[in-house]
Protein backbone atom coordinates (compact mmCIF):
# COMPACT_ATOMS: atom_id res chain seq x y z
CA MET A 1 -0.44 -0.06 0.06
CA ARG A 2 1.63 3.30 -1.10
CA LEU A 3 1.33 6.20 1.68
CA GLU A 4 -0.49 8.31 -0.99
CA THR A 5 -3.56 6.37 -0.23
CA ILE A 6 -3.94 6.63 3.08
CA PRO A 7 -5.85 10.02 2.75
CA ILE A 8 -8.06 8.45 0.26
CA LEU A 9 -8.73 5.70 3.11
CA VAL A 10 -9.54 8.46 5.57
CA GLY A 11 -11.52 10.71 3.34
CA LEU A 12 -13.75 7.91 2.38
CA LEU A 13 -14.37 7.17 6.20
CA ILE A 14 -14.93 10.54 7.21
CA GLY A 15 -17.49 10.76 3.86
CA PHE A 16 -19.29 7.36 5.22
CA ILE A 17 -19.29 8.89 8.27
CA GLY A 18 -20.96 12.61 6.99
CA LEU A 19 -23.56 10.15 4.79
CA GLY A 20 -24.75 8.63 8.31
CA LEU A 21 -25.32 12.01 9.95
CA LEU A 22 -27.19 12.93 6.99
CA PHE A 23 -29.38 9.75 6.42
CA ASP A 24 -30.25 9.91 10.49
CA ALA A 25 -31.34 13.93 9.85
CA TRP A 26 -33.50 12.85 7.02
CA THR A 27 -35.23 9.70 8.38
CA PRO A 28 -37.94 9.97 10.59
CA ASP A 29 -37.24 8.71 14.38
CA GLU A 30 -40.14 5.72 14.52
CA ILE A 31 -37.67 3.71 11.97
CA VAL A 32 -34.97 2.95 15.20
CA VAL A 33 -37.14 3.58 18.56
CA LYS A 34 -40.83 2.39 17.96
CA ARG A 35 -41.75 4.37 21.48
CA GLU A 36 -39.80 6.28 23.95
CA ARG A 37 -38.98 4.22 27.13
CA ARG A 38 -37.71 7.16 28.76
CA ARG A 39 -39.56 8.69 31.70
CA ARG A 40 -38.71 12.18 31.03
CA PRO A 41 -38.79 13.21 27.45
CA ARG A 42 -36.07 13.73 25.51
CA VAL A 43 -34.75 17.07 24.19
CA GLU A 44 -35.87 17.38 20.28
CA ARG A 45 -32.89 17.53 17.70
CA HIS A 46 -32.83 20.01 15.40
CA ARG A 47 -32.58 18.24 11.52
CA GLY A 48 -31.40 20.59 9.81
CA GLY A 49 -28.68 21.31 12.40
CA GLU A 50 -27.88 17.76 12.49
CA ALA A 51 -28.24 17.61 7.71
CA ALA A 52 -25.77 20.83 8.75
CA VAL A 53 -23.02 18.92 10.68
CA GLY A 54 -23.36 16.49 7.92
CA LEU A 55 -23.04 18.53 5.24
CA GLY A 56 -19.61 20.00 7.09
CA VAL A 57 -18.34 16.41 7.49
CA LEU A 58 -18.74 15.92 3.36
CA CYS A 59 -17.01 19.29 2.97
CA MET A 60 -14.08 17.69 5.30
CA ALA A 61 -13.97 14.15 3.33
CA ALA A 62 -13.89 16.13 0.08
CA ALA A 63 -10.70 18.21 1.67
CA TRP A 64 -9.07 14.72 2.61
CA LEU A 65 -10.02 13.24 -0.91
CA GLY A 66 -8.82 16.36 -2.72
CA ARG A 67 -5.79 16.20 -0.92
CA ASP A 68 -3.04 19.09 -2.14
CA THR A 69 -3.67 18.83 -5.71
CA TRP A 70 -6.97 20.43 -5.38
CA ASP A 71 -7.44 24.37 -5.87
CA TYR A 72 -10.82 24.05 -3.80
CA SER A 73 -9.44 22.17 -0.69
CA ILE A 74 -9.39 25.35 1.62
CA VAL A 75 -12.79 26.87 0.54
CA ALA A 76 -14.11 22.75 1.49
CA VAL A 77 -12.39 22.93 4.89
CA ILE A 78 -13.95 26.53 5.60
CA VAL A 79 -17.31 25.78 4.85
CA GLY A 80 -17.23 22.57 6.30
CA CYS A 81 -16.49 24.78 9.50
CA VAL A 82 -18.74 27.00 8.71
CA PHE A 83 -21.76 24.53 8.41
CA LEU A 84 -20.47 22.33 11.34
CA LEU A 85 -20.34 25.36 13.83
CA TYR A 86 -24.38 26.12 12.19
CA GLY A 87 -25.07 22.52 13.17
CA THR A 88 -23.39 22.68 16.39
CA TRP A 89 -25.35 26.15 17.62
CA ARG A 90 -28.78 24.67 16.15
CA ASN A 91 -28.19 21.71 18.38
CA ARG A 92 -26.53 23.33 21.33
CA HIS A 93 -29.91 22.32 23.61
CA TYR A 94 -29.71 18.54 22.19
CA LEU A 95 -26.01 18.70 22.64
CA HIS A 96 -26.62 20.03 26.33
CA ASP A 97 -28.97 18.05 27.41
CA THR A 98 -27.62 14.64 25.76
CA LEU A 99 -23.47 15.42 27.41
CA GLY A 100 -24.59 17.55 30.50
CA ASN A 101 -27.60 15.85 32.43
CA ARG A 102 -26.66 12.80 34.42
CA GLY A 103 -30.50 12.48 34.92
CA ALA A 104 -32.97 11.95 37.35
CA LEU A 105 -32.35 8.20 38.79
CA ARG A 106 -28.81 9.45 39.97
CA ARG A 107 -29.65 11.61 41.95
CA ARG A 108 -31.50 11.08 45.50
CA ALA A 109 -35.16 12.31 46.37
CA GLU A 110 -35.85 16.00 46.99
CA SER A 111 -37.05 14.79 50.36
CA GLU A 112 -33.47 13.01 51.45
CA GLN A 113 -31.10 15.92 49.78
CA ASP A 114 -30.37 17.25 53.40
CA LYS A 115 -30.80 13.73 54.98
CA PRO A 116 -27.03 12.36 55.22
CA LEU A 117 -26.02 9.37 53.83
CA THR A 118 -26.28 5.90 55.82
CA PRO A 119 -23.77 3.52 55.54
CA PRO A 120 -24.38 -0.14 54.56
CA PRO A 121 -25.08 -2.61 57.08
CA ALA A 122 -22.41 -4.30 58.58
CA ASP A 123 -23.53 -7.58 57.35
CA GLN A 124 -22.67 -6.63 53.51
CA PRO A 125 -19.10 -6.88 52.64
CA LYS A 126 -17.88 -3.48 51.85
CA MET A 127 -16.71 -2.15 48.46
CA ARG A 128 -13.19 -1.47 47.77
CA ILE A 129 -11.81 1.11 45.47
CA ARG A 130 -8.28 0.24 43.69
């Protein structure tokens, strides 16, 4: 394998990721998940923003595939960055909820917030952290 084929392989991989993002943005959610199993509904993602991220990733893939010989590789990177930033901005609430929300199951109930945590009973073995 020649060294010049590595950017082509990376560009193809990035292109497939971009196509997957575009497919996910344009297909309805009921295809993958039939009904919601969460107690609290998810924040809805912005489909146009997700499509913009997919287009940005495709522009980056085009820059990888074009290598140094393509005249418009710099333009593709700039347009790809604009699409990525726009898509991230449009999906900022979804990303915040996905990355920053630890969920209600990890927190104690409101009535138990002021009570100190009780140690486990003596008959249970203690967990050791290494």
